[in-house]
Amino acid sequence: MPKKVTTSISILLLLGLGIIAWFAINNYIPREAPVPIVKYNNVTIPTVKSMNNWLDKENGGNSNLTLPPEESTKDLTAIAVKLNSNIIISFDTKNQPKQMEIIHWTQGEIETRVILNNEIFRTSTVPGIYVYEIIGRWDDTHDSAHSFRIEVK
C-alpha cells in the first residue's frame, strides 16, 4: 500500500478510537440528575428531592436546594418496615453512582452518615419514625439527593 493510504487509514482508526473512548467516558454520567428507587419487600418507598448538583464543566448545569429532609418529607406517608430489615436502594439510570451515602436526620441535625458498600441499607433496631437522605455521587460535580420517611416497627 502507498504510504499516504496507510497514514490516512491510521489517522482514521485513531480518530475512531478517540471518539469511541470519548463516548464511553462521557456516557457514564447521566444527562440529568437520577432519582433513587427505594424498596422494602418489593414496595417502593416514596422519596422527595433534597438537592442536586449537576454541573458539566463546559456546558454549565444546575443546582437545586430544598427544605431540610425532615421538613420536605413531612407530607409523605411513613412506610412501615420491620426492625433490622433490608431496604434496597438504586438509581433510575444504567450507570449507578460511584458512591452512595445515607444520612439519618433527627431534629434538623445529621444523626449519622454511612457510605453504602452495596445497595442494601439496614433499618434501625429501635422502633420509631426515621427520616433519611440518600446521596448518589457520580463525580465531583454530579450528585443527586432525595429523602424518605419510614416507620420502624
C-alpha atoms as a PDB file:
ATOM      1  CA  MET A   1       0.000   0.000   0.000  1.00  0.00           C
ATOM      2  CA  PRO A   2       1.193   3.515  -0.652  1.00  0.00           C
ATOM      3  CA  LYS A   3       2.406   5.456   2.370  1.00  0.00           C
ATOM      4  CA  LYS A   4      -0.400   8.087   2.061  1.00  0.00           C
ATOM      5  CA  VAL A   5      -3.123   5.429   2.212  1.00  0.00           C
ATOM      6  CA  THR A   6      -1.539   3.732   5.236  1.00  0.00           C
ATOM      7  CA  THR A   7      -1.186   7.074   7.023  1.00  0.00           C
ATOM      8  CA  SER A   8      -4.792   8.039   6.217  1.00  0.00           C
ATOM      9  CA  ILE A   9      -6.127   4.704   7.483  1.00  0.00           C
ATOM     10  CA  SER A  10      -4.060   5.013  10.681  1.00  0.00           C
ATOM     11  CA  ILE A  11      -5.358   8.534  11.314  1.00  0.00           C
ATOM     12  CA  LEU A  12      -8.964   7.427  10.737  1.00  0.00           C
ATOM     13  CA  LEU A  13      -8.534   4.478  13.102  1.00  0.00           C
ATOM     14  CA  LEU A  14      -7.061   6.685  15.828  1.00  0.00           C
ATOM     15  CA  LEU A  15      -9.824   9.235  15.347  1.00  0.00           C
ATOM     16  CA  GLY A  16     -12.472   6.496  15.545  1.00  0.00           C
ATOM     17  CA  LEU A  17     -10.941   5.051  18.721  1.00  0.00           C
ATOM     18  CA  GLY A  18     -10.790   8.538  20.228  1.00  0.00           C
ATOM     19  CA  ILE A  19     -14.484   9.127  19.503  1.00  0.00           C
ATOM     20  CA  ILE A  20     -15.431   5.744  20.982  1.00  0.00           C
ATOM     21  CA  ALA A  21     -13.339   6.472  24.106  1.00  0.00           C
ATOM     22  CA  TRP A  22     -14.898   9.939  24.488  1.00  0.00           C
ATOM     23  CA  PHE A  23     -18.430   8.481  24.361  1.00  0.00           C
ATOM     24  CA  ALA A  24     -17.503   5.700  26.795  1.00  0.00           C
ATOM     25  CA  ILE A  25     -16.119   8.194  29.335  1.00  0.00           C
ATOM     26  CA  ASN A  26     -18.905  10.768  28.979  1.00  0.00           C
ATOM     27  CA  ASN A  27     -21.666   8.181  28.830  1.00  0.00           C
ATOM     28  CA  TYR A  28     -21.000   7.220  32.471  1.00  0.00           C
ATOM     29  CA  ILE A  29     -22.590  10.452  33.666  1.00  0.00           C
ATOM     30  CA  PRO A  30     -26.356  10.525  33.033  1.00  0.00           C
ATOM     31  CA  ARG A  31     -27.697  13.634  31.266  1.00  0.00           C
ATOM     32  CA  GLU A  32     -29.943  14.593  34.203  1.00  0.00           C
ATOM     33  CA  ALA A  33     -29.818  14.001  37.940  1.00  0.00           C
ATOM     34  CA  PRO A  34     -31.190  10.470  38.538  1.00  0.00           C
ATOM     35  CA  VAL A  35     -33.864   9.626  41.094  1.00  0.00           C
ATOM     36  CA  PRO A  36     -33.315   6.840  43.639  1.00  0.00           C
ATOM     37  CA  ILE A  37     -35.541   3.812  43.756  1.00  0.00           C
ATOM     38  CA  VAL A  38     -36.012   2.795  47.393  1.00  0.00           C
ATOM     39  CA  LYS A  39     -37.674  -0.579  48.024  1.00  0.00           C
ATOM     40  CA  TYR A  40     -38.710  -2.590  51.036  1.00  0.00           C
ATOM     41  CA  ASN A  41     -40.136  -6.083  50.342  1.00  0.00           C
ATOM     42  CA  ASN A  42     -40.855  -5.041  46.722  1.00  0.00           C
ATOM     43  CA  VAL A  43     -42.795  -1.964  47.928  1.00  0.00           C
ATOM     44  CA  THR A  44     -41.465   1.332  46.605  1.00  0.00           C
ATOM     45  CA  ILE A  45     -40.874   3.893  49.325  1.00  0.00           C
ATOM     46  CA  PRO A  46     -41.702   7.413  48.062  1.00  0.00           C
ATOM     47  CA  THR A  47     -38.904   9.983  48.009  1.00  0.00           C
ATOM     48  CA  VAL A  48     -38.705  13.745  47.604  1.00  0.00           C
ATOM     49  CA  LYS A  49     -35.874  15.721  46.054  1.00  0.00           C
ATOM     50  CA  SER A  50     -33.431  17.142  48.585  1.00  0.00           C
ATOM     51  CA  MET A  51     -30.796  18.646  46.370  1.00  0.00           C
ATOM     52  CA  ASN A  52     -28.712  18.031  43.329  1.00  0.00           C
ATOM     53  CA  ASN A  53     -25.665  19.471  41.662  1.00  0.00           C
ATOM     54  CA  TRP A  54     -25.486  18.535  38.014  1.00  0.00           C
ATOM     55  CA  LEU A  55     -22.750  20.735  36.615  1.00  0.00           C
ATOM     56  CA  ASP A  56     -20.916  19.943  33.379  1.00  0.00           C
ATOM     57  CA  LYS A  57     -17.649  21.853  33.189  1.00  0.00           C
ATOM     58  CA  GLU A  58     -18.138  23.021  29.596  1.00  0.00           C
ATOM     59  CA  ASN A  59     -21.918  23.370  29.432  1.00  0.00           C
ATOM     60  CA  GLY A  60     -22.806  24.625  32.892  1.00  0.00           C
ATOM     61  CA  GLY A  61     -25.678  22.844  34.583  1.00  0.00           C
ATOM     62  CA  ASN A  62     -27.980  23.271  37.529  1.00  0.00           C
ATOM     63  CA  SER A  63     -28.184  23.039  41.290  1.00  0.00           C
ATOM     64  CA  ASN A  64     -31.277  22.521  43.367  1.00  0.00           C
ATOM     65  CA  LEU A  65     -31.753  23.023  47.100  1.00  0.00           C
ATOM     66  CA  THR A  66     -34.937  22.354  49.054  1.00  0.00           C
ATOM     67  CA  LEU A  67     -36.152  22.359  52.629  1.00  0.00           C
ATOM     68  CA  PRO A  68     -34.312  20.178  55.181  1.00  0.00           C
ATOM     69  CA  PRO A  69     -35.225  16.466  54.810  1.00  0.00           C
ATOM     70  CA  GLU A  70     -37.456  16.303  57.899  1.00  0.00           C
ATOM     71  CA  GLU A  71     -39.447  19.272  56.633  1.00  0.00           C
ATOM     72  CA  SER A  72     -39.648  18.148  52.992  1.00  0.00           C
ATOM     73  CA  THR A  73     -40.823  14.618  53.920  1.00  0.00           C
ATOM     74  CA  LYS A  74     -43.498  15.635  56.439  1.00  0.00           C
ATOM     75  CA  ASP A  75     -46.289  15.150  53.862  1.00  0.00           C
ATOM     76  CA  LEU A  76     -45.050  11.674  52.891  1.00  0.00           C
ATOM     77  CA  THR A  77     -46.706   8.675  54.495  1.00  0.00           C
ATOM     78  CA  ALA A  78     -44.095   6.811  56.521  1.00  0.00           C
ATOM     79  CA  ILE A  79     -43.889   3.299  55.108  1.00  0.00           C
ATOM     80  CA  ALA A  80     -43.942   0.658  57.873  1.00  0.00           C
ATOM     81  CA  VAL A  81     -40.852  -1.580  57.937  1.00  0.00           C
ATOM     82  CA  LYS A  82     -39.685  -4.254  60.358  1.00  0.00           C
ATOM     83  CA  LEU A  83     -36.826  -3.806  62.787  1.00  0.00           C
ATOM     84  CA  ASN A  84     -33.356  -4.532  61.359  1.00  0.00           C
ATOM     85  CA  SER A  85     -34.608  -5.337  57.843  1.00  0.00           C
ATOM     86  CA  ASN A  86     -33.178  -4.601  54.397  1.00  0.00           C
ATOM     87  CA  ILE A  87     -34.034  -1.622  52.226  1.00  0.00           C
ATOM     88  CA  ILE A  88     -32.654  -1.746  48.690  1.00  0.00           C
ATOM     89  CA  ILE A  89     -31.528   1.495  47.062  1.00  0.00           C
ATOM     90  CA  SER A  90     -30.596   2.056  43.422  1.00  0.00           C
ATOM     91  CA  PHE A  91     -30.922   4.942  40.977  1.00  0.00           C
ATOM     92  CA  ASP A  92     -33.116   5.061  37.849  1.00  0.00           C
ATOM     93  CA  THR A  93     -30.139   5.003  35.490  1.00  0.00           C
ATOM     94  CA  LYS A  94     -27.965   2.397  33.810  1.00  0.00           C
ATOM     95  CA  ASN A  95     -24.779   3.625  35.475  1.00  0.00           C
ATOM     96  CA  GLN A  96     -25.112   3.693  39.238  1.00  0.00           C
ATOM     97  CA  PRO A  97     -23.205   6.309  41.262  1.00  0.00           C
ATOM     98  CA  LYS A  98     -19.598   5.709  42.238  1.00  0.00           C
ATOM     99  CA  GLN A  99     -20.621   6.370  45.841  1.00  0.00           C
ATOM    100  CA  MET A 100     -23.894   6.200  47.773  1.00  0.00           C
ATOM    101  CA  GLU A 101     -24.278   7.793  51.177  1.00  0.00           C
ATOM    102  CA  ILE A 102     -27.246   7.579  53.517  1.00  0.00           C
ATOM    103  CA  ILE A 103     -27.802  10.242  56.171  1.00  0.00           C
ATOM    104  CA  HIS A 104     -30.135   9.874  59.153  1.00  0.00           C
ATOM    105  CA  TRP A 105     -31.694  13.203  60.190  1.00  0.00           C
ATOM    106  CA  THR A 106     -33.051  13.947  63.689  1.00  0.00           C
ATOM    107  CA  GLN A 107     -34.466  17.311  64.784  1.00  0.00           C
ATOM    108  CA  GLY A 108     -32.802  19.185  61.924  1.00  0.00           C
ATOM    109  CA  GLU A 109     -29.373  17.700  62.583  1.00  0.00           C
ATOM    110  CA  ILE A 110     -27.388  14.895  60.991  1.00  0.00           C
ATOM    111  CA  GLU A 111     -27.526  11.925  63.361  1.00  0.00           C
ATOM    112  CA  THR A 112     -25.370   9.522  61.308  1.00  0.00           C
ATOM    113  CA  ARG A 113     -23.724   9.312  57.866  1.00  0.00           C
ATOM    114  CA  VAL A 114     -22.925   5.965  56.272  1.00  0.00           C
ATOM    115  CA  ILE A 115     -21.286   5.186  52.937  1.00  0.00           C
ATOM    116  CA  LEU A 116     -23.107   2.173  51.485  1.00  0.00           C
ATOM    117  CA  ASN A 117     -20.855  -0.619  50.245  1.00  0.00           C
ATOM    118  CA  ASN A 118     -23.698  -2.091  48.209  1.00  0.00           C
ATOM    119  CA  GLU A 119     -27.308  -1.203  47.518  1.00  0.00           C
ATOM    120  CA  ILE A 120     -28.577  -2.582  50.840  1.00  0.00           C
ATOM    121  CA  PHE A 121     -29.334  -0.467  53.885  1.00  0.00           C
ATOM    122  CA  ARG A 122     -30.450  -1.990  57.206  1.00  0.00           C
ATOM    123  CA  THR A 123     -33.191  -0.340  59.233  1.00  0.00           C
ATOM    124  CA  SER A 124     -32.852   0.507  62.902  1.00  0.00           C
ATOM    125  CA  THR A 125     -33.331  -1.984  65.711  1.00  0.00           C
ATOM    126  CA  VAL A 126     -35.289   0.660  67.651  1.00  0.00           C
ATOM    127  CA  PRO A 127     -38.932   1.423  66.724  1.00  0.00           C
ATOM    128  CA  GLY A 128     -39.801   4.925  65.570  1.00  0.00           C
ATOM    129  CA  ILE A 129     -40.197   7.315  62.631  1.00  0.00           C
ATOM    130  CA  TYR A 130     -36.948   7.838  60.718  1.00  0.00           C
ATOM    131  CA  VAL A 131     -36.024  10.336  58.009  1.00  0.00           C
ATOM    132  CA  TYR A 132     -33.155   9.503  55.689  1.00  0.00           C
ATOM    133  CA  GLU A 133     -31.430  11.283  52.843  1.00  0.00           C
ATOM    134  CA  ILE A 134     -29.739   9.334  50.040  1.00  0.00           C
ATOM    135  CA  ILE A 135     -26.918  10.977  48.123  1.00  0.00           C
ATOM    136  CA  GLY A 136     -25.588   9.406  44.930  1.00  0.00           C
ATOM    137  CA  ARG A 137     -22.262  10.782  43.657  1.00  0.00           C
ATOM    138  CA  TRP A 138     -21.054  10.169  40.121  1.00  0.00           C
ATOM    139  CA  ASP A 139     -18.110  12.613  40.383  1.00  0.00           C
ATOM    140  CA  ASP A 140     -17.191  15.965  41.982  1.00  0.00           C
ATOM    141  CA  THR A 141     -19.807  17.926  40.025  1.00  0.00           C
ATOM    142  CA  HIS A 142     -22.625  15.369  39.703  1.00  0.00           C
ATOM    143  CA  ASP A 143     -24.623  14.349  42.778  1.00  0.00           C
ATOM    144  CA  SER A 144     -28.300  13.727  43.417  1.00  0.00           C
ATOM    145  CA  ALA A 145     -30.014  13.558  46.820  1.00  0.00           C
ATOM    146  CA  HIS A 146     -33.525  12.553  47.829  1.00  0.00           C
ATOM    147  CA  SER A 147     -35.182  11.986  51.207  1.00  0.00           C
ATOM    148  CA  PHE A 148     -37.690   9.457  52.534  1.00  0.00           C
ATOM    149  CA  ARG A 149     -39.547   8.632  55.734  1.00  0.00           C
ATOM    150  CA  ILE A 150     -40.099   5.183  57.261  1.00  0.00           C
ATOM    151  CA  GLU A 151     -41.692   3.872  60.432  1.00  0.00           C
ATOM    152  CA  VAL A 152     -39.696   1.075  62.009  1.00  0.00           C
ATOM    153  CA  LYS A 153     -41.983  -1.306  63.953  1.00  0.00           C
END
